[in-house]
């Protein structure tokens, strides 16, 4: 049996993943997805990738530190970055007023989703999605555009998250990670459980890796609390791997949460980049 899964420290990187990357960690452990990758990776159709909610199949051997999968099930962003035509008369512009893909901290992905070019910025537990206008180029003054029938709350969440990823004047580096919460720890343990099950581990062996041999020696009983925790983690981990990972994407990323619709005039406002 491969014992690599018993090292809890090896899963520390999953504590601060944004929802899309966390979902990928579950999907890449799904045996049926792995079979699809082996069978279709050289000539995968959009239909095969869409079966898993992906824009394209991704190598399951690569973890979330190495790849940023493009998800087809994420809701389109309600915010579009467009060229700001209202500022054409100004001869000089500050750097912060000009569009650049490289200013926000984190990893960036660009892809065509059928409705236009979408920009995804991922950093720590944050993911921000924005659309790019067809005429927007690097170095242009830009504005944020929100449709009249758009979701204002979702748009505001996307803009707030984006601003958090843009270094203020004089600062360097990426934002510091927030302290992990109970949900983060559950996902770390669930992923470790999946790897343990794949390696043939028993429930008791899973408990030893998760909670320590001393805790298992004291509290491992047929109907005890420790065994109940392991059973819950197994059920939850399998459910996320087999399809519930989709809910992480649909509900998690900033700028893709669904909110109540309200009628507002379309607006376009300049903003520092």
C-alpha atoms as a PDB file:
ATOM      1  CA  UNK A   1       0.000   0.000   0.000  1.00  0.00           C
ATOM      2  CA  UNK A   2       1.263   3.470  -0.917  1.00  0.00           C
ATOM      3  CA  UNK A   3       1.691   5.395   2.361  1.00  0.00           C
ATOM      4  CA  UNK A   4       2.316   8.827   0.812  1.00  0.00           C
ATOM      5  CA  UNK A   5      -1.227   9.881   1.744  1.00  0.00           C
ATOM      6  CA  UNK A   6      -0.490   9.513   5.482  1.00  0.00           C
ATOM      7  CA  UNK A   7       1.573  12.749   5.542  1.00  0.00           C
ATOM      8  CA  UNK A   8      -0.961  15.454   6.409  1.00  0.00           C
ATOM      9  CA  UNK A   9       1.588  18.194   5.704  1.00  0.00           C
ATOM     10  CA  UNK A  10       1.518  17.241   2.012  1.00  0.00           C
ATOM     11  CA  UNK A  11      -2.047  18.584   1.858  1.00  0.00           C
ATOM     12  CA  UNK A  12      -1.304  21.968   3.443  1.00  0.00           C
ATOM     13  CA  UNK A  13      -1.386  23.701   0.034  1.00  0.00           C
ATOM     14  CA  UNK A  14      -5.101  22.919  -0.275  1.00  0.00           C
ATOM     15  CA  UNK A  15      -5.974  25.074   2.752  1.00  0.00           C
ATOM     16  CA  UNK A  16      -6.014  28.326   0.786  1.00  0.00           C
ATOM     17  CA  UNK A  17      -7.314  27.230  -2.604  1.00  0.00           C
ATOM     18  CA  UNK A  18     -10.033  29.221  -4.314  1.00  0.00           C
ATOM     19  CA  UNK A  19     -13.226  27.242  -5.075  1.00  0.00           C
ATOM     20  CA  UNK A  20     -12.356  26.359  -8.686  1.00  0.00           C
ATOM     21  CA  UNK A  21      -8.973  24.898  -7.738  1.00  0.00           C
ATOM     22  CA  UNK A  22     -10.481  23.057  -4.776  1.00  0.00           C
ATOM     23  CA  UNK A  23     -13.094  21.534  -7.065  1.00  0.00           C
ATOM     24  CA  UNK A  24     -10.289  20.378  -9.359  1.00  0.00           C
ATOM     25  CA  UNK A  25      -8.596  18.557  -6.469  1.00  0.00           C
ATOM     26  CA  UNK A  26     -11.752  16.470  -6.055  1.00  0.00           C
ATOM     27  CA  UNK A  27     -12.360  15.875  -9.756  1.00  0.00           C
ATOM     28  CA  UNK A  28      -8.816  14.742 -10.512  1.00  0.00           C
ATOM     29  CA  UNK A  29      -9.253  11.957  -7.936  1.00  0.00           C
ATOM     30  CA  UNK A  30     -12.402  10.627  -9.634  1.00  0.00           C
ATOM     31  CA  UNK A  31     -11.558   7.247 -11.250  1.00  0.00           C
ATOM     32  CA  UNK A  32     -14.106   7.782 -14.035  1.00  0.00           C
ATOM     33  CA  UNK A  33     -12.559  11.147 -14.899  1.00  0.00           C
ATOM     34  CA  UNK A  34      -9.110   9.548 -14.959  1.00  0.00           C
ATOM     35  CA  UNK A  35     -10.426   6.914 -17.388  1.00  0.00           C
ATOM     36  CA  UNK A  36     -11.881   9.626 -19.627  1.00  0.00           C
ATOM     37  CA  UNK A  37      -8.524  11.423 -19.615  1.00  0.00           C
ATOM     38  CA  UNK A  38      -6.668   8.265 -20.614  1.00  0.00           C
ATOM     39  CA  UNK A  39      -9.191   7.479 -23.344  1.00  0.00           C
ATOM     40  CA  UNK A  40      -9.912  10.917 -24.824  1.00  0.00           C
ATOM     41  CA  UNK A  41      -6.973  13.184 -23.984  1.00  0.00           C
ATOM     42  CA  UNK A  42      -5.620  13.216 -27.560  1.00  0.00           C
ATOM     43  CA  UNK A  43      -8.948  13.926 -29.261  1.00  0.00           C
ATOM     44  CA  UNK A  44     -11.338  15.054 -26.555  1.00  0.00           C
ATOM     45  CA  UNK A  45     -14.496  16.765 -27.800  1.00  0.00           C
ATOM     46  CA  UNK A  46     -16.179  19.644 -26.015  1.00  0.00           C
ATOM     47  CA  UNK A  47     -18.949  17.214 -25.060  1.00  0.00           C
ATOM     48  CA  UNK A  48     -16.543  14.968 -23.149  1.00  0.00           C
ATOM     49  CA  UNK A  49     -15.057  17.885 -21.207  1.00  0.00           C
ATOM     50  CA  UNK A  50     -18.501  19.387 -20.542  1.00  0.00           C
ATOM     51  CA  UNK A  51     -19.527  16.082 -18.979  1.00  0.00           C
ATOM     52  CA  UNK A  52     -17.282  17.087 -16.073  1.00  0.00           C
ATOM     53  CA  UNK A  53     -18.034  20.794 -16.184  1.00  0.00           C
ATOM     54  CA  UNK A  54     -14.707  21.627 -17.843  1.00  0.00           C
ATOM     55  CA  UNK A  55     -13.909  23.706 -20.892  1.00  0.00           C
ATOM     56  CA  UNK A  56     -11.170  21.193 -21.750  1.00  0.00           C
ATOM     57  CA  UNK A  57      -9.822  18.002 -20.192  1.00  0.00           C
ATOM     58  CA  UNK A  58      -6.850  18.474 -17.840  1.00  0.00           C
ATOM     59  CA  UNK A  59      -4.207  15.954 -16.782  1.00  0.00           C
ATOM     60  CA  UNK A  60      -5.330  14.525 -13.386  1.00  0.00           C
ATOM     61  CA  UNK A  61      -1.697  14.009 -12.383  1.00  0.00           C
ATOM     62  CA  UNK A  62      -1.344  17.807 -12.072  1.00  0.00           C
ATOM     63  CA  UNK A  63      -2.543  19.391  -8.836  1.00  0.00           C
ATOM     64  CA  UNK A  64      -3.984  22.865  -8.301  1.00  0.00           C
ATOM     65  CA  UNK A  65      -0.511  24.378  -7.878  1.00  0.00           C
ATOM     66  CA  UNK A  66       0.357  23.365 -11.441  1.00  0.00           C
ATOM     67  CA  UNK A  67      -2.841  23.992 -13.416  1.00  0.00           C
ATOM     68  CA  UNK A  68      -5.854  26.306 -13.385  1.00  0.00           C
ATOM     69  CA  UNK A  69      -8.700  24.412 -15.077  1.00  0.00           C
ATOM     70  CA  UNK A  70     -11.266  26.362 -17.068  1.00  0.00           C
ATOM     71  CA  UNK A  71     -14.762  25.520 -15.849  1.00  0.00           C
ATOM     72  CA  UNK A  72     -17.723  25.706 -18.193  1.00  0.00           C
ATOM     73  CA  UNK A  73     -20.233  25.600 -15.321  1.00  0.00           C
ATOM     74  CA  UNK A  74     -19.174  28.882 -13.713  1.00  0.00           C
ATOM     75  CA  UNK A  75     -21.699  31.665 -14.230  1.00  0.00           C
ATOM     76  CA  UNK A  76     -20.609  34.424 -16.634  1.00  0.00           C
ATOM     77  CA  UNK A  77     -19.237  37.537 -14.976  1.00  0.00           C
ATOM     78  CA  UNK A  78     -21.633  40.508 -14.799  1.00  0.00           C
ATOM     79  CA  UNK A  79     -18.701  42.950 -15.210  1.00  0.00           C
ATOM     80  CA  UNK A  80     -16.933  43.822 -18.474  1.00  0.00           C
ATOM     81  CA  UNK A  81     -13.724  45.834 -18.764  1.00  0.00           C
ATOM     82  CA  UNK A  82     -14.089  48.180 -21.728  1.00  0.00           C
ATOM     83  CA  UNK A  83     -12.066  50.945 -23.326  1.00  0.00           C
ATOM     84  CA  UNK A  84     -12.977  54.240 -21.653  1.00  0.00           C
ATOM     85  CA  UNK A  85     -13.919  56.524 -24.520  1.00  0.00           C
ATOM     86  CA  UNK A  86     -14.823  59.377 -22.147  1.00  0.00           C
ATOM     87  CA  UNK A  87     -11.132  60.074 -21.401  1.00  0.00           C
ATOM     88  CA  UNK A  88      -9.784  60.354 -24.939  1.00  0.00           C
ATOM     89  CA  UNK A  89      -9.315  64.126 -24.589  1.00  0.00           C
ATOM     90  CA  UNK A  90      -6.849  63.742 -21.724  1.00  0.00           C
ATOM     91  CA  UNK A  91      -3.280  63.727 -23.008  1.00  0.00           C
ATOM     92  CA  UNK A  92      -1.622  62.007 -20.048  1.00  0.00           C
ATOM     93  CA  UNK A  93      -2.791  59.178 -17.831  1.00  0.00           C
ATOM     94  CA  UNK A  94      -1.519  57.725 -14.585  1.00  0.00           C
ATOM     95  CA  UNK A  95      -0.308  54.127 -14.641  1.00  0.00           C
ATOM     96  CA  UNK A  96      -3.202  53.110 -12.393  1.00  0.00           C
ATOM     97  CA  UNK A  97      -5.675  54.322 -15.044  1.00  0.00           C
ATOM     98  CA  UNK A  98      -4.295  52.014 -17.734  1.00  0.00           C
ATOM     99  CA  UNK A  99      -5.297  48.420 -18.307  1.00  0.00           C
ATOM    100  CA  UNK A 100      -2.709  45.709 -17.709  1.00  0.00           C
ATOM    101  CA  UNK A 101      -3.219  41.983 -17.191  1.00  0.00           C
ATOM    102  CA  UNK A 102      -0.226  41.835 -14.884  1.00  0.00           C
ATOM    103  CA  UNK A 103      -1.135  44.267 -12.105  1.00  0.00           C
ATOM    104  CA  UNK A 104      -3.508  42.035 -10.084  1.00  0.00           C
ATOM    105  CA  UNK A 105      -1.730  39.520  -7.867  1.00  0.00           C
ATOM    106  CA  UNK A 106      -2.152  35.811  -8.598  1.00  0.00           C
ATOM    107  CA  UNK A 107      -2.511  33.553 -11.611  1.00  0.00           C
ATOM    108  CA  UNK A 108      -4.392  34.749 -14.670  1.00  0.00           C
ATOM    109  CA  UNK A 109      -6.285  32.741 -17.266  1.00  0.00           C
ATOM    110  CA  UNK A 110      -7.864  33.971 -20.502  1.00  0.00           C
ATOM    111  CA  UNK A 111     -10.359  31.916 -22.448  1.00  0.00           C
ATOM    112  CA  UNK A 112     -13.165  32.232 -24.964  1.00  0.00           C
ATOM    113  CA  UNK A 113     -16.458  30.954 -23.499  1.00  0.00           C
ATOM    114  CA  UNK A 114     -18.703  31.557 -26.500  1.00  0.00           C
ATOM    115  CA  UNK A 115     -19.881  34.933 -25.232  1.00  0.00           C
ATOM    116  CA  UNK A 116     -16.572  36.734 -25.357  1.00  0.00           C
ATOM    117  CA  UNK A 117     -13.152  36.731 -23.754  1.00  0.00           C
ATOM    118  CA  UNK A 118     -13.163  35.960 -20.035  1.00  0.00           C
ATOM    119  CA  UNK A 119     -10.370  36.834 -17.595  1.00  0.00           C
ATOM    120  CA  UNK A 120      -9.984  34.747 -14.432  1.00  0.00           C
ATOM    121  CA  UNK A 121      -7.650  35.911 -11.651  1.00  0.00           C
ATOM    122  CA  UNK A 122      -6.846  33.445  -8.880  1.00  0.00           C
ATOM    123  CA  UNK A 123      -4.937  34.257  -5.696  1.00  0.00           C
ATOM    124  CA  UNK A 124      -5.031  32.316  -2.429  1.00  0.00           C
ATOM    125  CA  UNK A 125      -8.717  31.649  -1.685  1.00  0.00           C
ATOM    126  CA  UNK A 126      -9.941  34.360  -4.085  1.00  0.00           C
ATOM    127  CA  UNK A 127     -11.135  33.932  -7.651  1.00  0.00           C
ATOM    128  CA  UNK A 128     -12.369  36.867  -9.718  1.00  0.00           C
ATOM    129  CA  UNK A 129     -13.942  36.632 -13.167  1.00  0.00           C
ATOM    130  CA  UNK A 130     -14.364  39.521 -15.592  1.00  0.00           C
ATOM    131  CA  UNK A 131     -15.144  39.868 -19.276  1.00  0.00           C
ATOM    132  CA  UNK A 132     -12.902  41.878 -21.588  1.00  0.00           C
ATOM    133  CA  UNK A 133     -14.304  44.175 -24.247  1.00  0.00           C
ATOM    134  CA  UNK A 134     -13.368  43.433 -27.851  1.00  0.00           C
ATOM    135  CA  UNK A 135     -11.578  46.761 -28.339  1.00  0.00           C
ATOM    136  CA  UNK A 136      -9.682  46.822 -25.018  1.00  0.00           C
ATOM    137  CA  UNK A 137      -5.895  46.657 -25.354  1.00  0.00           C
ATOM    138  CA  UNK A 138      -3.021  46.818 -22.894  1.00  0.00           C
ATOM    139  CA  UNK A 139      -2.264  50.423 -21.988  1.00  0.00           C
ATOM    140  CA  UNK A 140      -5.791  51.698 -22.708  1.00  0.00           C
ATOM    141  CA  UNK A 141      -7.741  53.739 -20.212  1.00  0.00           C
ATOM    142  CA  UNK A 142     -10.592  51.501 -19.145  1.00  0.00           C
ATOM    143  CA  UNK A 143     -13.948  51.439 -17.389  1.00  0.00           C
ATOM    144  CA  UNK A 144     -16.111  48.816 -15.675  1.00  0.00           C
ATOM    145  CA  UNK A 145     -19.385  48.164 -17.513  1.00  0.00           C
ATOM    146  CA  UNK A 146     -22.421  46.523 -15.894  1.00  0.00           C
ATOM    147  CA  UNK A 147     -25.538  45.607 -17.956  1.00  0.00           C
ATOM    148  CA  UNK A 148     -28.829  47.318 -17.139  1.00  0.00           C
ATOM    149  CA  UNK A 149     -30.398  43.975 -16.238  1.00  0.00           C
ATOM    150  CA  UNK A 150     -27.219  42.706 -14.588  1.00  0.00           C
ATOM    151  CA  UNK A 151     -26.772  41.506 -11.045  1.00  0.00           C
ATOM    152  CA  UNK A 152     -25.479  44.528  -9.173  1.00  0.00           C
ATOM    153  CA  UNK A 153     -24.597  42.645  -5.994  1.00  0.00           C
ATOM    154  CA  UNK A 154     -22.547  40.077  -7.909  1.00  0.00           C
ATOM    155  CA  UNK A 155     -20.839  42.851  -9.863  1.00  0.00           C
ATOM    156  CA  UNK A 156     -19.955  44.717  -6.683  1.00  0.00           C
ATOM    157  CA  UNK A 157     -18.564  41.498  -5.156  1.00  0.00           C
ATOM    158  CA  UNK A 158     -16.377  40.983  -8.229  1.00  0.00           C
ATOM    159  CA  UNK A 159     -15.062  44.557  -8.154  1.00  0.00           C
ATOM    160  CA  UNK A 160     -14.370  44.395  -4.411  1.00  0.00           C
ATOM    161  CA  UNK A 161     -12.482  41.128  -4.797  1.00  0.00           C
ATOM    162  CA  UNK A 162     -10.495  42.506  -7.744  1.00  0.00           C
ATOM    163  CA  UNK A 163      -9.453  45.589  -5.785  1.00  0.00           C
ATOM    164  CA  UNK A 164      -8.179  43.323  -2.997  1.00  0.00           C
ATOM    165  CA  UNK A 165      -5.826  41.685  -5.522  1.00  0.00           C
ATOM    166  CA  UNK A 166      -4.386  44.937  -6.869  1.00  0.00           C
ATOM    167  CA  UNK A 167      -1.345  46.182  -4.897  1.00  0.00           C
ATOM    168  CA  UNK A 168      -1.701  49.692  -3.547  1.00  0.00           C
ATOM    169  CA  UNK A 169       0.975  52.239  -4.434  1.00  0.00           C
ATOM    170  CA  UNK A 170       4.306  51.281  -2.926  1.00  0.00           C
ATOM    171  CA  UNK A 171       3.268  47.781  -1.842  1.00  0.00           C
ATOM    172  CA  UNK A 172       4.696  44.576  -3.196  1.00  0.00           C
ATOM    173  CA  UNK A 173       3.822  40.918  -3.197  1.00  0.00           C
ATOM    174  CA  UNK A 174       0.522  39.064  -2.883  1.00  0.00           C
ATOM    175  CA  UNK A 175      -2.052  39.422  -0.084  1.00  0.00           C
ATOM    176  CA  UNK A 176      -1.408  37.406   3.069  1.00  0.00           C
ATOM    177  CA  UNK A 177      -3.559  34.288   3.405  1.00  0.00           C
ATOM    178  CA  UNK A 178      -6.410  34.413   5.884  1.00  0.00           C
ATOM    179  CA  UNK A 179      -6.515  31.986   8.782  1.00  0.00           C
ATOM    180  CA  UNK A 180      -8.110  28.691   7.646  1.00  0.00           C
ATOM    181  CA  UNK A 181     -11.612  27.981   8.935  1.00  0.00           C
ATOM    182  CA  UNK A 182     -13.350  24.698   9.734  1.00  0.00           C
ATOM    183  CA  UNK A 183     -14.584  24.268   6.178  1.00  0.00           C
ATOM    184  CA  UNK A 184     -11.020  24.583   4.856  1.00  0.00           C
ATOM    185  CA  UNK A 185      -9.830  21.911   7.277  1.00  0.00           C
ATOM    186  CA  UNK A 186     -12.696  19.615   6.290  1.00  0.00           C
ATOM    187  CA  UNK A 187     -11.653  19.806   2.637  1.00  0.00           C
ATOM    188  CA  UNK A 188      -8.019  19.035   3.510  1.00  0.00           C
ATOM    189  CA  UNK A 189      -9.074  15.958   5.471  1.00  0.00           C
ATOM    190  CA  UNK A 190     -11.562  14.881   2.816  1.00  0.00           C
ATOM    191  CA  UNK A 191      -8.868  14.934   0.112  1.00  0.00           C
ATOM    192  CA  UNK A 192      -6.523  12.948   2.351  1.00  0.00           C
ATOM    193  CA  UNK A 193      -9.313  10.431   2.954  1.00  0.00           C
ATOM    194  CA  UNK A 194      -9.837   9.963  -0.797  1.00  0.00           C
ATOM    195  CA  UNK A 195      -6.157   9.231  -1.300  1.00  0.00           C
ATOM    196  CA  UNK A 196      -6.172   6.837   1.644  1.00  0.00           C
ATOM    197  CA  UNK A 197      -9.170   4.952   0.278  1.00  0.00           C
ATOM    198  CA  UNK A 198      -7.520   4.764  -3.148  1.00  0.00           C
ATOM    199  CA  UNK A 199      -4.481   3.238  -1.443  1.00  0.00           C
ATOM    200  CA  UNK A 200      -6.636   0.614   0.287  1.00  0.00           C
ATOM    201  CA  UNK A 201      -6.572   2.070   3.819  1.00  0.00           C
ATOM    202  CA  UNK A 202      -9.042   0.901   6.466  1.00  0.00           C
ATOM    203  CA  UNK A 203     -11.168   3.297   8.495  1.00  0.00           C
ATOM    204  CA  UNK A 204      -8.873   2.857  11.480  1.00  0.00           C
ATOM    205  CA  UNK A 205      -5.798   3.623   9.359  1.00  0.00           C
ATOM    206  CA  UNK A 206      -7.527   6.739   8.093  1.00  0.00           C
ATOM    207  CA  UNK A 207      -8.218   7.804  11.683  1.00  0.00           C
ATOM    208  CA  UNK A 208      -4.572   7.325  12.681  1.00  0.00           C
ATOM    209  CA  UNK A 209      -3.392   9.522   9.787  1.00  0.00           C
ATOM    210  CA  UNK A 210      -5.994  12.216  10.490  1.00  0.00           C
ATOM    211  CA  UNK A 211      -6.111  12.355  14.282  1.00  0.00           C
ATOM    212  CA  UNK A 212      -2.991  10.536  15.520  1.00  0.00           C
ATOM    213  CA  UNK A 213      -2.366   7.078  16.954  1.00  0.00           C
ATOM    214  CA  UNK A 214      -2.828   8.254  20.571  1.00  0.00           C
ATOM    215  CA  UNK A 215      -6.337   9.576  19.864  1.00  0.00           C
ATOM    216  CA  UNK A 216      -7.267   6.356  18.079  1.00  0.00           C
ATOM    217  CA  UNK A 217      -5.914   4.198  20.955  1.00  0.00           C
ATOM    218  CA  UNK A 218      -8.088   6.147  23.402  1.00  0.00           C
ATOM    219  CA  UNK A 219     -11.278   6.609  21.443  1.00  0.00           C
ATOM    220  CA  UNK A 220     -11.680   4.069  18.636  1.00  0.00           C
ATOM    221  CA  UNK A 221     -14.983   2.333  19.366  1.00  0.00           C
ATOM    222  CA  UNK A 222     -17.527   0.720  16.995  1.00  0.00           C
ATOM    223  CA  UNK A 223     -20.081   3.479  17.676  1.00  0.00           C
ATOM    224  CA  UNK A 224     -17.696   6.118  19.027  1.00  0.00           C
ATOM    225  CA  UNK A 225     -17.413   9.751  17.979  1.00  0.00           C
ATOM    226  CA  UNK A 226     -14.024   9.274  16.307  1.00  0.00           C
ATOM    227  CA  UNK A 227     -15.290   6.506  14.062  1.00  0.00           C
ATOM    228  CA  UNK A 228     -18.378   8.574  13.249  1.00  0.00           C
ATOM    229  CA  UNK A 229     -16.125  11.447  12.120  1.00  0.00           C
ATOM    230  CA  UNK A 230     -14.205   9.151   9.791  1.00  0.00           C
ATOM    231  CA  UNK A 231     -17.410   7.747   8.318  1.00  0.00           C
ATOM    232  CA  UNK A 232     -18.747  11.267   7.742  1.00  0.00           C
ATOM    233  CA  UNK A 233     -15.518  12.340   6.039  1.00  0.00           C
ATOM    234  CA  UNK A 234     -15.683   9.310   3.749  1.00  0.00           C
ATOM    235  CA  UNK A 235     -19.279  10.063   2.730  1.00  0.00           C
ATOM    236  CA  UNK A 236     -18.581  13.766   2.218  1.00  0.00           C
ATOM    237  CA  UNK A 237     -15.360  13.202   0.294  1.00  0.00           C
ATOM    238  CA  UNK A 238     -16.962  10.679  -2.072  1.00  0.00           C
ATOM    239  CA  UNK A 239     -19.949  12.948  -2.691  1.00  0.00           C
ATOM    240  CA  UNK A 240     -17.676  15.885  -3.582  1.00  0.00           C
ATOM    241  CA  UNK A 241     -15.531  13.728  -5.841  1.00  0.00           C
ATOM    242  CA  UNK A 242     -18.526  12.244  -7.653  1.00  0.00           C
ATOM    243  CA  UNK A 243     -20.237  15.503  -8.517  1.00  0.00           C
ATOM    244  CA  UNK A 244     -20.798  17.869  -5.624  1.00  0.00           C
ATOM    245  CA  UNK A 245     -17.558  19.653  -6.527  1.00  0.00           C
ATOM    246  CA  UNK A 246     -19.752  21.544  -8.992  1.00  0.00           C
ATOM    247  CA  UNK A 247     -21.450  23.354  -6.122  1.00  0.00           C
ATOM    248  CA  UNK A 248     -18.075  24.735  -5.008  1.00  0.00           C
ATOM    249  CA  UNK A 249     -17.724  26.458  -8.385  1.00  0.00           C
ATOM    250  CA  UNK A 250     -21.313  27.641  -8.724  1.00  0.00           C
ATOM    251  CA  UNK A 251     -21.461  29.179  -5.243  1.00  0.00           C
ATOM    252  CA  UNK A 252     -17.880  30.060  -4.431  1.00  0.00           C
ATOM    253  CA  UNK A 253     -15.957  32.389  -6.763  1.00  0.00           C
ATOM    254  CA  UNK A 254     -16.251  36.108  -6.291  1.00  0.00           C
ATOM    255  CA  UNK A 255     -18.065  37.573  -9.253  1.00  0.00           C
ATOM    256  CA  UNK A 256     -19.969  34.366 -10.086  1.00  0.00           C
ATOM    257  CA  UNK A 257     -22.408  34.127  -7.171  1.00  0.00           C
ATOM    258  CA  UNK A 258     -26.016  34.357  -8.225  1.00  0.00           C
ATOM    259  CA  UNK A 259     -28.004  37.149  -6.594  1.00  0.00           C
ATOM    260  CA  UNK A 260     -31.473  38.666  -6.901  1.00  0.00           C
ATOM    261  CA  UNK A 261     -32.049  40.659 -10.074  1.00  0.00           C
ATOM    262  CA  UNK A 262     -32.932  44.317  -9.954  1.00  0.00           C
ATOM    263  CA  UNK A 263     -33.601  46.842 -12.641  1.00  0.00           C
ATOM    264  CA  UNK A 264     -30.824  49.415 -12.839  1.00  0.00           C
ATOM    265  CA  UNK A 265     -29.500  51.602 -15.568  1.00  0.00           C
ATOM    266  CA  UNK A 266     -26.381  50.325 -17.235  1.00  0.00           C
ATOM    267  CA  UNK A 267     -23.379  52.134 -15.876  1.00  0.00           C
ATOM    268  CA  UNK A 268     -19.775  52.635 -16.854  1.00  0.00           C
ATOM    269  CA  UNK A 269     -17.302  54.062 -14.331  1.00  0.00           C
ATOM    270  CA  UNK A 270     -13.571  54.675 -14.490  1.00  0.00           C
ATOM    271  CA  UNK A 271     -11.536  52.900 -11.853  1.00  0.00           C
ATOM    272  CA  UNK A 272      -7.894  52.558 -10.904  1.00  0.00           C
ATOM    273  CA  UNK A 273      -6.388  49.284 -12.172  1.00  0.00           C
END
